[in-house]
Each structure stands twice: as structure tokens, then as C-alpha cells.
Amino acid sequence: MTLQVQVVSPERILWSGEAERVVTRVEEGGDIAFLSGHTTYLGQLGSGVTEIAEVGGNVVKVAVHGGFVEVSDDRVSLLSDQAELATDVDIARARAARERAEVVLRGGDDDEAAEAVKRAEVRLRAAGEDTAS
């Protein structure tokens, strides 16, 4: 059996299709995997890379920054405040955003800059970039 998966941001449906597995980050306890037959679930999405294993083996990666995940009757809906397919990530732009935020952080604690670094690193990881400094 497969899952019907939909990843939605405020702007558009980012991805929709059948998958064998979805792994995503939730605020309630790290990463969670959903397979066919999973019990009904509603959780708050954290910031992280969501992996959707399509039927046939391809893995779609999505940089996700908050929102909700709902699972019911082999349907997985990721409703994200801000999300981006790995294939759409502008690596140079994400690196520049991280560098700008890191400069601000060197000047002292700044929650907004810390979140900007985190978002940039999630985008880079989704795109397959090494984020180790």
C-alpha cells in the first residue's frame, strides 16, 4: 500500500503524489516516519528536512520551517508555514543568508539571526550541501 502525500505552503502545493514513506521533523520529539497504515496523527512541524520516498525509489527532499502534519487513512498532509523543494533551493542565496546572519550573531545574541542561520542550514541540507562549519 502507498500513502497519498501533499506538501502545501501558503503560496502553492509544492508536491503531491504517492509515496511509500514520509520522514519529517516534529516539535514533539524529533523525526517521525509515516508508513501505510499509520494511526491518525496531528503534530506541529519543526524546522528540518522532510524526505518523501516515492514509489519506485526516488526520494524528494523538502526544506520545512514550521507548520503542521496530519495523517489519516493513508493520507499525509504537510501544511508548512514556509517550505521549499530541494530542487528549488538557491544554494548561493542560502549560503549568503547564513553568512549575513552569522555576522549578526558574532555581535551578540540575536534570536532572529539564530533562526535565520537555522533556516539557511536546513535549506542547504535539503539541497545536499554539507553544513558543517
Protein backbone atom coordinates (compact mmCIF):
# COMPACT_ATOMS: atom_id res chain seq x y z
CA MET A 1 0.00 0.00 0.00
CA THR A 2 1.04 3.58 -0.52
CA LEU A 3 0.44 6.96 1.04
CA GLN A 4 -1.18 9.92 -0.68
CA VAL A 5 1.08 12.83 0.22
CA GLN A 6 0.67 16.55 -0.21
CA VAL A 7 3.11 19.29 0.82
CA VAL A 8 1.45 22.69 0.91
CA SER A 9 2.89 26.14 1.61
CA PRO A 10 0.87 29.36 1.78
CA GLU A 11 1.84 30.08 -1.84
CA ARG A 12 1.10 26.75 -3.51
CA ILE A 13 1.06 22.96 -3.47
CA LEU A 14 4.77 22.12 -3.55
CA TRP A 15 4.43 18.39 -4.07
CA SER A 16 1.62 15.90 -4.39
CA GLY A 17 1.73 12.20 -5.16
CA GLU A 18 2.09 8.64 -3.93
CA ALA A 19 4.84 7.63 -1.56
CA GLU A 20 5.99 4.61 0.39
CA ARG A 21 7.30 6.61 3.35
CA VAL A 22 7.48 10.16 4.73
CA VAL A 23 10.02 11.22 7.36
CA THR A 24 9.70 14.67 8.87
CA ARG A 25 10.78 16.69 11.92
CA VAL A 26 8.16 17.45 14.54
CA GLU A 27 8.38 19.67 17.60
CA GLU A 28 7.07 16.92 19.87
CA GLY A 29 10.13 14.69 19.66
CA GLY A 30 12.45 14.79 16.68
CA ASP A 31 11.90 12.94 13.42
CA ILE A 32 8.87 10.75 12.77
CA ALA A 33 8.25 8.31 9.92
CA PHE A 34 4.88 7.59 8.39
CA LEU A 35 4.12 4.37 6.52
CA SER A 36 0.90 2.98 5.13
CA GLY A 37 -1.47 2.06 7.96
CA HIS A 38 -0.13 4.69 10.37
CA THR A 39 -2.57 5.71 13.06
CA THR A 40 -4.25 9.10 12.86
CA TYR A 41 -1.75 11.78 13.85
CA LEU A 42 -1.64 15.56 14.12
CA GLY A 43 1.62 17.29 15.03
CA GLN A 44 3.48 20.56 14.83
CA LEU A 45 6.26 20.59 12.26
CA GLY A 46 9.71 21.64 13.33
CA SER A 47 12.42 23.07 11.15
CA GLY A 48 14.13 20.30 9.19
CA VAL A 49 14.43 18.31 6.00
CA THR A 50 11.39 16.21 5.11
CA GLU A 51 12.07 13.14 2.98
CA ILE A 52 9.35 11.63 0.82
CA ALA A 53 10.22 8.18 -0.57
CA GLU A 54 8.25 7.94 -3.79
CA VAL A 55 7.06 4.63 -5.19
CA GLY A 56 9.97 3.46 -7.30
CA GLY A 57 12.75 4.64 -5.01
CA ASN A 58 13.21 8.35 -5.74
CA VAL A 59 13.46 10.49 -2.59
CA VAL A 60 12.05 14.02 -2.67
CA LYS A 61 13.58 16.37 -0.10
CA VAL A 62 11.82 19.45 1.21
CA ALA A 63 13.19 22.17 3.49
CA VAL A 64 10.37 22.73 6.01
CA HIS A 65 10.16 25.54 8.58
CA GLY A 66 7.15 25.04 10.83
CA GLY A 67 3.51 24.24 10.25
CA PHE A 68 1.52 21.06 10.84
CA VAL A 69 1.45 17.45 9.69
CA GLU A 70 -1.78 15.49 9.58
CA VAL A 71 -2.06 11.76 8.90
CA SER A 72 -5.33 9.94 8.39
CA ASP A 73 -6.43 7.00 6.23
CA ASP A 74 -3.08 6.71 4.40
CA ARG A 75 -3.08 10.42 3.59
CA VAL A 76 -0.24 12.63 4.79
CA SER A 77 -0.67 16.41 4.59
CA LEU A 78 2.21 18.70 5.44
CA LEU A 79 0.92 22.24 5.82
CA SER A 80 4.02 24.36 6.18
CA ASP A 81 4.42 28.00 7.10
CA GLN A 82 7.47 28.07 4.85
CA ALA A 83 8.75 25.23 2.68
CA GLU A 84 10.93 24.74 -0.38
CA LEU A 85 11.69 21.74 -2.56
CA ALA A 86 15.39 20.85 -2.52
CA THR A 87 15.47 21.28 -6.29
CA ASP A 88 14.32 24.89 -5.88
CA VAL A 89 16.92 25.90 -3.28
CA ASP A 90 19.25 28.66 -4.48
CA ILE A 91 22.44 27.45 -2.80
CA ALA A 92 24.36 30.69 -3.24
CA ARG A 93 21.49 32.68 -1.77
CA ALA A 94 21.15 30.29 1.20
CA ARG A 95 24.89 30.49 1.88
CA ALA A 96 24.79 34.30 1.73
CA ALA A 97 21.81 34.41 4.11
CA ARG A 98 23.64 32.16 6.56
CA GLU A 99 26.78 34.31 6.37
CA ARG A 100 24.81 37.54 6.97
CA ALA A 101 23.07 36.01 9.99
CA GLU A 102 26.35 34.65 11.37
CA VAL A 103 27.86 38.16 11.20
CA VAL A 104 24.96 39.47 13.28
CA LEU A 105 25.41 36.63 15.80
CA ARG A 106 29.10 37.44 16.21
CA GLY A 107 27.92 40.81 17.58
CA GLY A 108 25.91 39.11 20.34
CA ASP A 109 22.81 37.05 20.96
CA ASP A 110 20.07 37.66 18.42
CA ASP A 111 17.13 35.24 18.22
CA GLU A 112 16.13 36.37 14.74
CA ALA A 113 19.66 35.86 13.39
CA ALA A 114 19.88 32.44 15.06
CA GLU A 115 16.63 31.41 13.34
CA ALA A 116 17.95 32.73 10.02
CA VAL A 117 21.08 30.57 10.37
CA LYS A 118 18.90 27.55 11.16
CA ARG A 119 16.62 28.16 8.14
CA ALA A 120 19.60 28.58 5.81
CA GLU A 121 21.23 25.39 7.07
CA VAL A 122 18.01 23.40 6.61
CA ARG A 123 17.76 24.70 3.04
CA LEU A 124 21.38 23.75 2.36
CA ARG A 125 20.98 20.26 3.87
CA ALA A 126 17.86 19.67 1.77
CA ALA A 127 19.88 20.60 -1.31
CA GLY A 128 22.60 18.13 -0.33
CA GLU A 129 25.15 20.67 0.90
CA ASP A 130 27.42 19.95 3.86
CA THR A 131 26.57 22.50 6.56
CA ALA A 132 29.38 21.58 8.95
CA SER A 133 31.46 24.64 9.74
